[in-house]
Structure formats: structure tokens, C-alpha cells
């Protein structure tokens, strides 16, 4: 039973962590207020935010960061689609731009997911 396994783990992890007490909730229940929930392969986990955590402020900061990442990503993708750049650039430069575009695309996904987890809409 999952609850029994969690109870065993809880007793081991609680003394060594800096976390609030862990609780096992019934499947399909609504997560407590003030939590961030993520669905994992083996179940859902909700983490309660610290007292006074401002979800709106966090979402606003993440949106700003996402906007910057989107701008840089689109610049890199634009360079890779520009025939003049492709004709003149050294192969190493093209590879650097391609790698950076991939990194920025991954950052876009991660930031959008963080915003979603905090209850906001990314784009």
C-alpha cells in the first residue's frame, strides 16, 4: 500500500529535512490552499508555500524572465533562418547559435511550467 510506504519514508526523512510534516492525502482529493502541485509518474505531490509567499509576485517575476527568454530565443531562431547569416557564418558560429536556441527553448518550457504550477498563464 502506498500510504504505508509513505509512512515509513516519512519517519526516516522528517528528522533530516527542513520541511513541514508530510501528510498522505486520499487520491483525487483537492490539494490544500497555498500549495503547488505536480503530477509525477507515481502520483501527485503538493508542496505548501512558506507563510506569506506571494504567488502573484512570483508569477510576475517569472513572466518577466520568460519574456526576456522568448525575445532572445526568437532572435537566435531568426538568425538561423536568415539566409545571409547562414551563408556568411562559420560552421562553429552556426552550431553555437543552434545550441543556444535549444537551451533557450528548454528555458521557455521550464519557465512556462513554473508559471503554470503557480497558478498563472505563461503566454
PDB file of N, CA and C in Angstrom:
ATOM      1  N   UNK A   1       0.845  -1.186   0.000  1.00  0.00           N
ATOM      2  CA  UNK A   1       0.000   0.000   0.000  1.00  0.00           C
ATOM      3  C   UNK A   1       0.888   1.247   0.000  1.00  0.00           C
ATOM      4  N   UNK A   2       0.570   2.191  -0.835  1.00  0.00           N
ATOM      5  CA  UNK A   2       1.356   3.410  -0.975  1.00  0.00           C
ATOM      6  C   UNK A   2       1.406   4.193   0.333  1.00  0.00           C
ATOM      7  N   UNK A   3       0.293   4.337   1.001  1.00  0.00           N
ATOM      8  CA  UNK A   3       0.249   5.095   2.258  1.00  0.00           C
ATOM      9  C   UNK A   3       1.195   4.495   3.294  1.00  0.00           C
ATOM     10  N   UNK A   4       1.267   3.174   3.365  1.00  0.00           N
ATOM     11  CA  UNK A   4       2.159   2.510   4.319  1.00  0.00           C
ATOM     12  C   UNK A   4       3.618   2.779   3.967  1.00  0.00           C
ATOM     13  N   UNK A   5       3.954   2.736   2.679  1.00  0.00           N
ATOM     14  CA  UNK A   5       5.326   3.022   2.258  1.00  0.00           C
ATOM     15  C   UNK A   5       5.688   4.470   2.569  1.00  0.00           C
ATOM     16  N   UNK A   6       4.747   5.407   2.352  1.00  0.00           N
ATOM     17  CA  UNK A   6       4.994   6.817   2.658  1.00  0.00           C
ATOM     18  C   UNK A   6       5.219   7.019   4.147  1.00  0.00           C
ATOM     19  N   UNK A   7       4.450   6.314   4.963  1.00  0.00           N
ATOM     20  CA  UNK A   7       4.598   6.449   6.408  1.00  0.00           C
ATOM     21  C   UNK A   7       6.000   6.013   6.838  1.00  0.00           C
ATOM     22  N   UNK A   8       6.516   4.968   6.241  1.00  0.00           N
ATOM     23  CA  UNK A   8       7.865   4.501   6.559  1.00  0.00           C
ATOM     24  C   UNK A   8       8.898   5.536   6.127  1.00  0.00           C
ATOM     25  N   UNK A   9       8.750   6.047   4.916  1.00  0.00           N
ATOM     26  CA  UNK A   9       9.685   7.045   4.395  1.00  0.00           C
ATOM     27  C   UNK A   9       9.605   8.324   5.212  1.00  0.00           C
ATOM     28  N   UNK A  10       8.394   8.725   5.583  1.00  0.00           N
ATOM     29  CA  UNK A  10       8.171   9.944   6.347  1.00  0.00           C
ATOM     30  C   UNK A  10       8.950   9.904   7.658  1.00  0.00           C
ATOM     31  N   UNK A  11       8.921   8.790   8.332  1.00  0.00           N
ATOM     32  CA  UNK A  11       9.636   8.670   9.600  1.00  0.00           C
ATOM     33  C   UNK A  11      11.135   8.774   9.438  1.00  0.00           C
ATOM     34  N   UNK A  12      11.645   8.348   8.306  1.00  0.00           N
ATOM     35  CA  UNK A  12      13.076   8.415   8.036  1.00  0.00           C
ATOM     36  C   UNK A  12      13.493   9.806   7.573  1.00  0.00           C
ATOM     37  N   UNK A  13      12.708  10.420   6.696  1.00  0.00           N
ATOM     38  CA  UNK A  13      13.082  11.685   6.078  1.00  0.00           C
ATOM     39  C   UNK A  13      12.817  12.899   6.954  1.00  0.00           C
ATOM     40  N   UNK A  14      11.764  12.878   7.727  1.00  0.00           N
ATOM     41  CA  UNK A  14      11.370  14.056   8.504  1.00  0.00           C
ATOM     42  C   UNK A  14      12.477  14.617   9.387  1.00  0.00           C
ATOM     43  N   UNK A  15      13.191  13.799  10.132  1.00  0.00           N
ATOM     44  CA  UNK A  15      14.222  14.363  11.011  1.00  0.00           C
ATOM     45  C   UNK A  15      15.390  15.004  10.259  1.00  0.00           C
ATOM     46  N   UNK A  16      15.635  14.599   9.023  1.00  0.00           N
ATOM     47  CA  UNK A  16      16.781  15.111   8.279  1.00  0.00           C
ATOM     48  C   UNK A  16      16.428  16.208   7.300  1.00  0.00           C
ATOM     49  N   UNK A  17      15.162  16.551   7.169  1.00  0.00           N
ATOM     50  CA  UNK A  17      14.768  17.562   6.199  1.00  0.00           C
ATOM     51  C   UNK A  17      14.382  18.851   6.896  1.00  0.00           C
ATOM     52  N   UNK A  18      14.301  19.900   6.114  1.00  0.00           N
ATOM     53  CA  UNK A  18      13.868  21.196   6.622  1.00  0.00           C
ATOM     54  C   UNK A  18      12.451  21.450   6.113  1.00  0.00           C
ATOM     55  N   UNK A  19      11.611  20.441   6.175  1.00  0.00           N
ATOM     56  CA  UNK A  19      10.263  20.538   5.629  1.00  0.00           C
ATOM     57  C   UNK A  19       9.241  20.418   6.745  1.00  0.00           C
ATOM     58  N   UNK A  20       8.074  20.913   6.424  1.00  0.00           N
ATOM     59  CA  UNK A  20       6.946  20.755   7.335  1.00  0.00           C
ATOM     60  C   UNK A  20       6.570  19.280   7.362  1.00  0.00           C
ATOM     61  N   UNK A  21       5.772  18.880   8.309  1.00  0.00           N
ATOM     62  CA  UNK A  21       5.342  17.482   8.349  1.00  0.00           C
ATOM     63  C   UNK A  21       4.659  17.068   7.045  1.00  0.00           C
ATOM     64  N   UNK A  22       4.930  15.853   6.628  1.00  0.00           N
ATOM     65  CA  UNK A  22       4.345  15.323   5.403  1.00  0.00           C
ATOM     66  C   UNK A  22       3.041  14.622   5.734  1.00  0.00           C
ATOM     67  N   UNK A  23       2.067  14.810   4.867  1.00  0.00           N
ATOM     68  CA  UNK A  23       0.784  14.148   5.033  1.00  0.00           C
ATOM     69  C   UNK A  23       0.434  13.413   3.753  1.00  0.00           C
ATOM     70  N   UNK A  24      -0.164  12.257   3.871  1.00  0.00           N
ATOM     71  CA  UNK A  24      -0.633  11.500   2.720  1.00  0.00           C
ATOM     72  C   UNK A  24      -2.126  11.768   2.597  1.00  0.00           C
ATOM     73  N   UNK A  25      -2.535  12.251   1.423  1.00  0.00           N
ATOM     74  CA  UNK A  25      -3.943  12.578   1.197  1.00  0.00           C
ATOM     75  C   UNK A  25      -4.586  11.501   0.335  1.00  0.00           C
ATOM     76  N   UNK A  26      -5.872  11.411   0.417  1.00  0.00           N
ATOM     77  CA  UNK A  26      -6.611  10.444  -0.392  1.00  0.00           C
ATOM     78  C   UNK A  26      -6.507  10.817  -1.863  1.00  0.00           C
ATOM     79  N   UNK A  27      -6.495   9.805  -2.705  1.00  0.00           N
ATOM     80  CA  UNK A  27      -6.431  10.026  -4.149  1.00  0.00           C
ATOM     81  C   UNK A  27      -7.642  10.827  -4.608  1.00  0.00           C
ATOM     82  N   UNK A  28      -7.382  11.757  -5.519  1.00  0.00           N
ATOM     83  CA  UNK A  28      -8.470  12.541  -6.098  1.00  0.00           C
ATOM     84  C   UNK A  28      -8.928  13.702  -5.242  1.00  0.00           C
ATOM     85  N   UNK A  29      -8.347  13.867  -4.065  1.00  0.00           N
ATOM     86  CA  UNK A  29      -8.722  14.978  -3.200  1.00  0.00           C
ATOM     87  C   UNK A  29      -8.155  16.284  -3.715  1.00  0.00           C
ATOM     88  N   UNK A  30      -8.759  17.387  -3.308  1.00  0.00           N
ATOM     89  CA  UNK A  30      -8.284  18.705  -3.701  1.00  0.00           C
ATOM     90  C   UNK A  30      -7.070  19.060  -2.858  1.00  0.00           C
ATOM     91  N   UNK A  31      -5.996  19.570  -3.501  1.00  0.00           N
ATOM     92  CA  UNK A  31      -4.808  19.944  -2.729  1.00  0.00           C
ATOM     93  C   UNK A  31      -5.133  21.091  -1.774  1.00  0.00           C
ATOM     94  N   UNK A  32      -4.441  21.164  -0.668  1.00  0.00           N
ATOM     95  CA  UNK A  32      -4.670  22.252   0.282  1.00  0.00           C
ATOM     96  C   UNK A  32      -4.355  23.616  -0.349  1.00  0.00           C
ATOM     97  N   UNK A  33      -4.974  24.661   0.161  1.00  0.00           N
ATOM     98  CA  UNK A  33      -4.706  26.014  -0.326  1.00  0.00           C
ATOM     99  C   UNK A  33      -3.246  26.366  -0.068  1.00  0.00           C
ATOM    100  N   UNK A  34      -2.693  27.205  -0.938  1.00  0.00           N
ATOM    101  CA  UNK A  34      -1.316  27.649  -0.752  1.00  0.00           C
ATOM    102  C   UNK A  34      -0.274  26.627  -1.109  1.00  0.00           C
ATOM    103  N   UNK A  35      -0.643  25.662  -1.947  1.00  0.00           N
ATOM    104  CA  UNK A  35       0.312  24.632  -2.347  1.00  0.00           C
ATOM    105  C   UNK A  35       0.558  24.692  -3.849  1.00  0.00           C
ATOM    106  N   UNK A  36       1.666  24.134  -4.244  1.00  0.00           N
ATOM    107  CA  UNK A  36       1.999  23.937  -5.649  1.00  0.00           C
ATOM    108  C   UNK A  36       1.985  22.440  -5.867  1.00  0.00           C
ATOM    109  N   UNK A  37       1.201  21.997  -6.847  1.00  0.00           N
ATOM    110  CA  UNK A  37       1.021  20.565  -7.080  1.00  0.00           C
ATOM    111  C   UNK A  37       1.594  20.170  -8.434  1.00  0.00           C
ATOM    112  N   UNK A  38       2.237  19.024  -8.463  1.00  0.00           N
ATOM    113  CA  UNK A  38       2.769  18.488  -9.705  1.00  0.00           C
ATOM    114  C   UNK A  38       2.407  17.010  -9.789  1.00  0.00           C
ATOM    115  N   UNK A  39       2.083  16.575 -10.993  1.00  0.00           N
ATOM    116  CA  UNK A  39       1.764  15.175 -11.218  1.00  0.00           C
ATOM    117  C   UNK A  39       3.046  14.468 -11.647  1.00  0.00           C
ATOM    118  N   UNK A  40       3.408  13.449 -10.899  1.00  0.00           N
ATOM    119  CA  UNK A  40       4.591  12.653 -11.195  1.00  0.00           C
ATOM    120  C   UNK A  40       4.149  11.298 -11.721  1.00  0.00           C
ATOM    121  N   UNK A  41       5.071  10.508 -12.169  1.00  0.00           N
ATOM    122  CA  UNK A  41       4.729   9.200 -12.699  1.00  0.00           C
ATOM    123  C   UNK A  41       4.071   8.283 -11.683  1.00  0.00           C
ATOM    124  N   UNK A  42       4.359   8.461 -10.430  1.00  0.00           N
ATOM    125  CA  UNK A  42       3.851   7.581  -9.384  1.00  0.00           C
ATOM    126  C   UNK A  42       2.749   8.215  -8.543  1.00  0.00           C
ATOM    127  N   UNK A  43       2.429   9.471  -8.781  1.00  0.00           N
ATOM    128  CA  UNK A  43       1.359  10.128  -8.017  1.00  0.00           C
ATOM    129  C   UNK A  43       1.485  11.630  -8.086  1.00  0.00           C
ATOM    130  N   UNK A  44       0.687  12.325  -7.311  1.00  0.00           N
ATOM    131  CA  UNK A  44       0.743  13.779  -7.223  1.00  0.00           C
ATOM    132  C   UNK A  44       1.461  14.175  -5.953  1.00  0.00           C
ATOM    133  N   UNK A  45       2.176  15.263  -6.029  1.00  0.00           N
ATOM    134  CA  UNK A  45       2.818  15.791  -4.837  1.00  0.00           C
ATOM    135  C   UNK A  45       2.492  17.275  -4.755  1.00  0.00           C
ATOM    136  N   UNK A  46       2.119  17.723  -3.577  1.00  0.00           N
ATOM    137  CA  UNK A  46       1.833  19.130  -3.330  1.00  0.00           C
ATOM    138  C   UNK A  46       2.794  19.625  -2.263  1.00  0.00           C
ATOM    139  N   UNK A  47       3.376  20.777  -2.530  1.00  0.00           N
ATOM    140  CA  UNK A  47       4.298  21.388  -1.581  1.00  0.00           C
ATOM    141  C   UNK A  47       3.685  22.699  -1.129  1.00  0.00           C
ATOM    142  N   UNK A  48       3.565  22.847   0.160  1.00  0.00           N
ATOM    143  CA  UNK A  48       2.964  24.052   0.714  1.00  0.00           C
ATOM    144  C   UNK A  48       3.996  25.180   0.714  1.00  0.00           C
ATOM    145  N   UNK A  49       3.559  26.343   0.240  1.00  0.00           N
ATOM    146  CA  UNK A  49       4.442  27.510   0.223  1.00  0.00           C
ATOM    147  C   UNK A  49       4.654  28.027   1.639  1.00  0.00           C
ATOM    148  N   UNK A  50       5.798  28.659   1.848  1.00  0.00           N
ATOM    149  CA  UNK A  50       6.082  29.226   3.164  1.00  0.00           C
ATOM    150  C   UNK A  50       5.056  30.315   3.486  1.00  0.00           C
ATOM    151  N   UNK A  51       4.888  30.592   4.734  1.00  0.00           N
ATOM    152  CA  UNK A  51       3.952  31.615   5.196  1.00  0.00           C
ATOM    153  C   UNK A  51       4.292  32.958   4.547  1.00  0.00           C
ATOM    154  N   UNK A  52       3.298  33.614   3.981  1.00  0.00           N
ATOM    155  CA  UNK A  52       3.491  34.926   3.374  1.00  0.00           C
ATOM    156  C   UNK A  52       3.996  34.901   1.947  1.00  0.00           C
ATOM    157  N   UNK A  53       4.169  33.710   1.362  1.00  0.00           N
ATOM    158  CA  UNK A  53       4.646  33.628  -0.024  1.00  0.00           C
ATOM    159  C   UNK A  53       3.632  34.287  -0.943  1.00  0.00           C
ATOM    160  N   UNK A  54       4.095  35.180  -1.805  1.00  0.00           N
ATOM    161  CA  UNK A  54       3.227  35.927  -2.714  1.00  0.00           C
ATOM    162  C   UNK A  54       3.249  35.265  -4.096  1.00  0.00           C
ATOM    163  N   UNK A  55       2.227  34.471  -4.381  1.00  0.00           N
ATOM    164  CA  UNK A  55       2.155  33.757  -5.655  1.00  0.00           C
ATOM    165  C   UNK A  55       2.123  34.730  -6.829  1.00  0.00           C
ATOM    166  N   UNK A  56       1.362  35.810  -6.712  1.00  0.00           N
ATOM    167  CA  UNK A  56       1.259  36.780  -7.808  1.00  0.00           C
ATOM    168  C   UNK A  56       2.601  37.430  -8.115  1.00  0.00           C
ATOM    169  N   UNK A  57       3.333  37.796  -7.070  1.00  0.00           N
ATOM    170  CA  UNK A  57       4.643  38.404  -7.259  1.00  0.00           C
ATOM    171  C   UNK A  57       5.594  37.418  -7.941  1.00  0.00           C
ATOM    172  N   UNK A  58       5.552  36.171  -7.522  1.00  0.00           N
ATOM    173  CA  UNK A  58       6.406  35.147  -8.131  1.00  0.00           C
ATOM    174  C   UNK A  58       6.052  34.938  -9.597  1.00  0.00           C
ATOM    175  N   UNK A  59       4.750  34.890  -9.908  1.00  0.00           N
ATOM    176  CA  UNK A  59       4.313  34.720 -11.298  1.00  0.00           C
ATOM    177  C   UNK A  59       4.747  35.911 -12.134  1.00  0.00           C
ATOM    178  N   UNK A  60       4.616  37.119 -11.595  1.00  0.00           N
ATOM    179  CA  UNK A  60       5.033  38.319 -12.317  1.00  0.00           C
ATOM    180  C   UNK A  60       6.525  38.276 -12.645  1.00  0.00           C
ATOM    181  N   UNK A  61       7.344  37.891 -11.675  1.00  0.00           N
ATOM    182  CA  UNK A  61       8.790  37.797 -11.897  1.00  0.00           C
ATOM    183  C   UNK A  61       9.117  36.731 -12.937  1.00  0.00           C
ATOM    184  N   UNK A  62       8.427  35.597 -12.878  1.00  0.00           N
ATOM    185  CA  UNK A  62       8.666  34.527 -13.858  1.00  0.00           C
ATOM    186  C   UNK A  62       8.222  34.959 -15.254  1.00  0.00           C
ATOM    187  N   UNK A  63       7.116  35.690 -15.350  1.00  0.00           N
ATOM    188  CA  UNK A  63       6.660  36.178 -16.662  1.00  0.00           C
ATOM    189  C   UNK A  63       7.682  37.126 -17.273  1.00  0.00           C
ATOM    190  N   UNK A  64       8.268  37.999 -16.447  1.00  0.00           N
ATOM    191  CA  UNK A  64       9.292  38.913 -16.950  1.00  0.00           C
ATOM    192  C   UNK A  64      10.489  38.124 -17.477  1.00  0.00           C
ATOM    193  N   UNK A  65      10.921  37.155 -16.682  1.00  0.00           N
ATOM    194  CA  UNK A  65      12.049  36.314 -17.099  1.00  0.00           C
ATOM    195  C   UNK A  65      11.700  35.570 -18.384  1.00  0.00           C
ATOM    196  N   UNK A  66      10.483  35.052 -18.466  1.00  0.00           N
ATOM    197  CA  UNK A  66      10.045  34.342 -19.667  1.00  0.00           C
ATOM    198  C   UNK A  66      10.049  35.276 -20.869  1.00  0.00           C
ATOM    199  N   UNK A  67       9.594  36.501 -20.686  1.00  0.00           N
ATOM    200  CA  UNK A  67       9.610  37.472 -21.787  1.00  0.00           C
ATOM    201  C   UNK A  67      11.007  37.705 -22.325  1.00  0.00           C
ATOM    202  N   UNK A  68      11.983  37.829 -21.426  1.00  0.00           N
ATOM    203  CA  UNK A  68      13.373  38.003 -21.850  1.00  0.00           C
ATOM    204  C   UNK A  68      13.873  36.776 -22.607  1.00  0.00           C
ATOM    205  N   UNK A  69      13.554  35.600 -22.099  1.00  0.00           N
ATOM    206  CA  UNK A  69      13.992  34.357 -22.746  1.00  0.00           C
ATOM    207  C   UNK A  69      13.344  34.223 -24.122  1.00  0.00           C
ATOM    208  N   UNK A  70      12.057  34.539 -24.231  1.00  0.00           N
ATOM    209  CA  UNK A  70      11.348  34.465 -25.510  1.00  0.00           C
ATOM    210  C   UNK A  70      12.020  35.396 -26.528  1.00  0.00           C
ATOM    211  N   UNK A  71      12.331  36.620 -26.103  1.00  0.00           N
ATOM    212  CA  UNK A  71      12.983  37.583 -27.007  1.00  0.00           C
ATOM    213  C   UNK A  71      14.302  37.032 -27.517  1.00  0.00           C
ATOM    214  N   UNK A  72      15.138  36.535 -26.615  1.00  0.00           N
ATOM    215  CA  UNK A  72      16.436  36.001 -27.033  1.00  0.00           C
ATOM    216  C   UNK A  72      16.281  34.743 -27.891  1.00  0.00           C
ATOM    217  N   UNK A  73      15.334  33.895 -27.548  1.00  0.00           N
ATOM    218  CA  UNK A  73      15.109  32.684 -28.335  1.00  0.00           C
ATOM    219  C   UNK A  73      14.712  33.045 -29.758  1.00  0.00           C
ATOM    220  N   UNK A  74      13.784  33.979 -29.896  1.00  0.00           N
ATOM    221  CA  UNK A  74      13.332  34.376 -31.233  1.00  0.00           C
ATOM    222  C   UNK A  74      14.453  35.022 -32.037  1.00  0.00           C
ATOM    223  N   UNK A  75      15.342  35.769 -31.375  1.00  0.00           N
ATOM    224  CA  UNK A  75      16.499  36.345 -32.073  1.00  0.00           C
ATOM    225  C   UNK A  75      17.405  35.243 -32.616  1.00  0.00           C
ATOM    226  N   UNK A  76      17.669  34.240 -31.796  1.00  0.00           N
ATOM    227  CA  UNK A  76      18.539  33.147 -32.237  1.00  0.00           C
ATOM    228  C   UNK A  76      17.892  32.338 -33.364  1.00  0.00           C
ATOM    229  N   UNK A  77      16.623  32.049 -33.229  1.00  0.00           N
ATOM    230  CA  UNK A  77      15.920  31.310 -34.281  1.00  0.00           C
ATOM    231  C   UNK A  77      15.905  32.134 -35.566  1.00  0.00           C
ATOM    232  N   UNK A  78      15.694  33.444 -35.428  1.00  0.00           N
ATOM    233  CA  UNK A  78      15.716  34.323 -36.601  1.00  0.00           C
ATOM    234  C   UNK A  78      17.047  34.294 -37.323  1.00  0.00           C
ATOM    235  N   UNK A  79      18.122  34.274 -36.563  1.00  0.00           N
ATOM    236  CA  UNK A  79      19.451  34.195 -37.190  1.00  0.00           C
ATOM    237  C   UNK A  79      19.603  32.885 -37.953  1.00  0.00           C
ATOM    238  N   UNK A  80      19.103  31.805 -37.360  1.00  0.00           N
ATOM    239  CA  UNK A  80      19.229  30.503 -38.009  1.00  0.00           C
ATOM    240  C   UNK A  80      18.365  30.394 -39.265  1.00  0.00           C
ATOM    241  N   UNK A  81      17.366  31.238 -39.374  1.00  0.00           N
ATOM    242  CA  UNK A  81      16.501  31.239 -40.567  1.00  0.00           C
ATOM    243  C   UNK A  81      16.936  32.284 -41.590  1.00  0.00           C
ATOM    244  N   UNK A  82      17.922  33.082 -41.262  1.00  0.00           N
ATOM    245  CA  UNK A  82      18.380  34.160 -42.134  1.00  0.00           C
ATOM    246  C   UNK A  82      19.396  33.611 -43.136  1.00  0.00           C
ATOM    247  N   UNK A  83      19.044  33.606 -44.422  1.00  0.00           N
ATOM    248  CA  UNK A  83      19.961  33.061 -45.434  1.00  0.00           C
ATOM    249  C   UNK A  83      21.308  33.787 -45.484  1.00  0.00           C
ATOM    250  N   UNK A  84      21.312  35.101 -45.249  1.00  0.00           N
ATOM    251  CA  UNK A  84      22.571  35.856 -45.272  1.00  0.00           C
ATOM    252  C   UNK A  84      23.487  35.401 -44.127  1.00  0.00           C
ATOM    253  N   UNK A  85      22.915  35.244 -42.940  1.00  0.00           N
ATOM    254  CA  UNK A  85      23.709  34.774 -41.808  1.00  0.00           C
ATOM    255  C   UNK A  85      24.250  33.377 -42.097  1.00  0.00           C
ATOM    256  N   UNK A  86      23.399  32.502 -42.600  1.00  0.00           N
ATOM    257  CA  UNK A  86      23.814  31.131 -42.868  1.00  0.00           C
ATOM    258  C   UNK A  86      24.905  31.065 -43.930  1.00  0.00           C
ATOM    259  N   UNK A  87      24.858  31.978 -44.898  1.00  0.00           N
ATOM    260  CA  UNK A  87      25.868  31.981 -45.954  1.00  0.00           C
ATOM    261  C   UNK A  87      27.218  32.487 -45.453  1.00  0.00           C
ATOM    262  N   UNK A  88      27.203  33.435 -44.506  1.00  0.00           N
ATOM    263  CA  UNK A  88      28.440  34.084 -44.067  1.00  0.00           C
ATOM    264  C   UNK A  88      29.044  33.477 -42.795  1.00  0.00           C
ATOM    265  N   UNK A  89      28.233  32.929 -41.942  1.00  0.00           N
ATOM    266  CA  UNK A  89      28.720  32.483 -40.631  1.00  0.00           C
ATOM    267  C   UNK A  89      29.567  31.224 -40.732  1.00  0.00           C
ATOM    268  N   UNK A  90      30.549  31.169 -39.869  1.00  0.00           N
ATOM    269  CA  UNK A  90      31.390  29.976 -39.774  1.00  0.00           C
ATOM    270  C   UNK A  90      30.549  28.841 -39.188  1.00  0.00           C
ATOM    271  N   UNK A  91      30.873  27.604 -39.539  1.00  0.00           N
ATOM    272  CA  UNK A  91      30.121  26.466 -39.007  1.00  0.00           C
ATOM    273  C   UNK A  91      30.070  26.451 -37.477  1.00  0.00           C
ATOM    274  N   UNK A  92      31.179  26.843 -36.828  1.00  0.00           N
ATOM    275  CA  UNK A  92      31.203  26.873 -35.371  1.00  0.00           C
ATOM    276  C   UNK A  92      30.190  27.869 -34.817  1.00  0.00           C
ATOM    277  N   UNK A  93      30.077  29.033 -35.482  1.00  0.00           N
ATOM    278  CA  UNK A  93      29.132  30.050 -35.038  1.00  0.00           C
ATOM    279  C   UNK A  93      27.698  29.559 -35.221  1.00  0.00           C
ATOM    280  N   UNK A  94      27.413  28.922 -36.331  1.00  0.00           N
ATOM    281  CA  UNK A  94      26.069  28.379 -36.560  1.00  0.00           C
ATOM    282  C   UNK A  94      25.718  27.352 -35.484  1.00  0.00           C
ATOM    283  N   UNK A  95      26.692  26.515 -35.137  1.00  0.00           N
ATOM    284  CA  UNK A  95      26.459  25.499 -34.110  1.00  0.00           C
ATOM    285  C   UNK A  95      26.226  26.139 -32.749  1.00  0.00           C
ATOM    286  N   UNK A  96      26.994  27.171 -32.416  1.00  0.00           N
ATOM    287  CA  UNK A  96      26.798  27.881 -31.146  1.00  0.00           C
ATOM    288  C   UNK A  96      25.396  28.494 -31.075  1.00  0.00           C
ATOM    289  N   UNK A  97      24.966  29.107 -32.153  1.00  0.00           N
ATOM    290  CA  UNK A  97      23.639  29.738 -32.194  1.00  0.00           C
ATOM    291  C   UNK A  97      22.556  28.656 -32.076  1.00  0.00           C
ATOM    292  N   UNK A  98      22.741  27.541 -32.773  1.00  0.00           N
ATOM    293  CA  UNK A  98      21.763  26.451 -32.706  1.00  0.00           C
ATOM    294  C   UNK A  98      21.674  25.892 -31.282  1.00  0.00           C
ATOM    295  N   UNK A  99      22.809  25.669 -30.639  1.00  0.00           N
ATOM    296  CA  UNK A  99      22.821  25.148 -29.270  1.00  0.00           C
ATOM    297  C   UNK A  99      22.162  26.130 -28.305  1.00  0.00           C
ATOM    298  N   UNK A 100      22.472  27.412 -28.465  1.00  0.00           N
ATOM    299  CA  UNK A 100      21.874  28.420 -27.581  1.00  0.00           C
ATOM    300  C   UNK A 100      20.364  28.494 -27.808  1.00  0.00           C
ATOM    301  N   UNK A 101      19.922  28.373 -29.053  1.00  0.00           N
ATOM    302  CA  UNK A 101      18.485  28.378 -29.339  1.00  0.00           C
ATOM    303  C   UNK A 101      17.805  27.188 -28.652  1.00  0.00           C
ATOM    304  N   UNK A 102      18.446  26.036 -28.648  1.00  0.00           N
ATOM    305  CA  UNK A 102      17.895  24.858 -27.965  1.00  0.00           C
ATOM    306  C   UNK A 102      17.815  25.083 -26.461  1.00  0.00           C
ATOM    307  N   UNK A 103      18.868  25.676 -25.882  1.00  0.00           N
ATOM    308  CA  UNK A 103      18.862  25.976 -24.446  1.00  0.00           C
ATOM    309  C   UNK A 103      17.733  26.943 -24.095  1.00  0.00           C
ATOM    310  N   UNK A 104      17.573  27.972 -24.909  1.00  0.00           N
ATOM    311  CA  UNK A 104      16.526  28.958 -24.656  1.00  0.00           C
ATOM    312  C   UNK A 104      15.134  28.342 -24.815  1.00  0.00           C
ATOM    313  N   UNK A 105      14.978  27.439 -25.771  1.00  0.00           N
ATOM    314  CA  UNK A 105      13.690  26.758 -25.940  1.00  0.00           C
ATOM    315  C   UNK A 105      13.361  25.939 -24.700  1.00  0.00           C
ATOM    316  N   UNK A 106      14.360  25.276 -24.128  1.00  0.00           N
ATOM    317  CA  UNK A 106      14.152  24.498 -22.908  1.00  0.00           C
ATOM    318  C   UNK A 106      13.819  25.416 -21.733  1.00  0.00           C
ATOM    319  N   UNK A 107      14.494  26.548 -21.642  1.00  0.00           N
ATOM    320  CA  UNK A 107      14.187  27.513 -20.583  1.00  0.00           C
ATOM    321  C   UNK A 107      12.752  28.026 -20.711  1.00  0.00           C
ATOM    322  N   UNK A 108      12.314  28.264 -21.961  1.00  0.00           N
ATOM    323  CA  UNK A 108      10.926  28.707 -22.186  1.00  0.00           C
ATOM    324  C   UNK A 108       9.943  27.699 -21.613  1.00  0.00           C
ATOM    325  N   UNK A 109      10.185  26.415 -21.904  1.00  0.00           N
ATOM    326  CA  UNK A 109       9.297  25.357 -21.402  1.00  0.00           C
ATOM    327  C   UNK A 109       9.284  25.327 -19.882  1.00  0.00           C
ATOM    328  N   UNK A 110      10.470  25.383 -19.277  1.00  0.00           N
ATOM    329  CA  UNK A 110      10.570  25.303 -17.822  1.00  0.00           C
ATOM    330  C   UNK A 110       9.892  26.496 -17.144  1.00  0.00           C
ATOM    331  N   UNK A 111      10.133  27.694 -17.661  1.00  0.00           N
ATOM    332  CA  UNK A 111       9.512  28.878 -17.071  1.00  0.00           C
ATOM    333  C   UNK A 111       7.994  28.834 -17.229  1.00  0.00           C
ATOM    334  N   UNK A 112       7.524  28.423 -18.398  1.00  0.00           N
ATOM    335  CA  UNK A 112       6.078  28.308 -18.616  1.00  0.00           C
ATOM    336  C   UNK A 112       5.470  27.299 -17.647  1.00  0.00           C
ATOM    337  N   UNK A 113       6.171  26.201 -17.405  1.00  0.00           N
ATOM    338  CA  UNK A 113       5.674  25.191 -16.460  1.00  0.00           C
ATOM    339  C   UNK A 113       5.672  25.731 -15.031  1.00  0.00           C
ATOM    340  N   UNK A 114       6.709  26.468 -14.658  1.00  0.00           N
ATOM    341  CA  UNK A 114       6.743  27.063 -13.323  1.00  0.00           C
ATOM    342  C   UNK A 114       5.574  28.038 -13.135  1.00  0.00           C
ATOM    343  N   UNK A 115       5.303  28.830 -14.139  1.00  0.00           N
ATOM    344  CA  UNK A 115       4.191  29.782 -14.069  1.00  0.00           C
ATOM    345  C   UNK A 115       2.870  29.017 -13.928  1.00  0.00           C
ATOM    346  N   UNK A 116       2.725  27.953 -14.703  1.00  0.00           N
ATOM    347  CA  UNK A 116       1.506  27.144 -14.622  1.00  0.00           C
ATOM    348  C   UNK A 116       1.337  26.540 -13.230  1.00  0.00           C
ATOM    349  N   UNK A 117       2.420  26.022 -12.679  1.00  0.00           N
ATOM    350  CA  UNK A 117       2.363  25.419 -11.354  1.00  0.00           C
ATOM    351  C   UNK A 117       1.955  26.426 -10.269  1.00  0.00           C
ATOM    352  N   UNK A 118       2.325  27.669 -10.475  1.00  0.00           N
ATOM    353  CA  UNK A 118       1.980  28.712  -9.511  1.00  0.00           C
ATOM    354  C   UNK A 118       0.582  29.296  -9.767  1.00  0.00           C
ATOM    355  N   UNK A 119      -0.097  28.760 -10.761  1.00  0.00           N
ATOM    356  CA  UNK A 119      -1.490  29.187 -10.998  1.00  0.00           C
ATOM    357  C   UNK A 119      -1.636  30.289 -12.012  1.00  0.00           C
ATOM    358  N   UNK A 120      -0.602  30.581 -12.764  1.00  0.00           N
ATOM    359  CA  UNK A 120      -0.686  31.632 -13.773  1.00  0.00           C
ATOM    360  C   UNK A 120      -0.714  31.067 -15.172  1.00  0.00           C
ATOM    361  N   UNK A 121      -0.840  31.962 -16.132  1.00  0.00           N
ATOM    362  CA  UNK A 121      -0.782  31.578 -17.546  1.00  0.00           C
ATOM    363  C   UNK A 121       0.483  32.187 -18.131  1.00  0.00           C
ATOM    364  N   UNK A 122       1.242  31.388 -18.868  1.00  0.00           N
ATOM    365  CA  UNK A 122       2.546  31.809 -19.347  1.00  0.00           C
ATOM    366  C   UNK A 122       2.469  32.755 -20.545  1.00  0.00           C
ATOM    367  N   UNK A 123       1.834  32.336 -21.579  1.00  0.00           N
ATOM    368  CA  UNK A 123       1.815  33.141 -22.811  1.00  0.00           C
ATOM    369  C   UNK A 123       0.432  33.128 -23.382  1.00  0.00           C
TER     370      UNK A 123
END
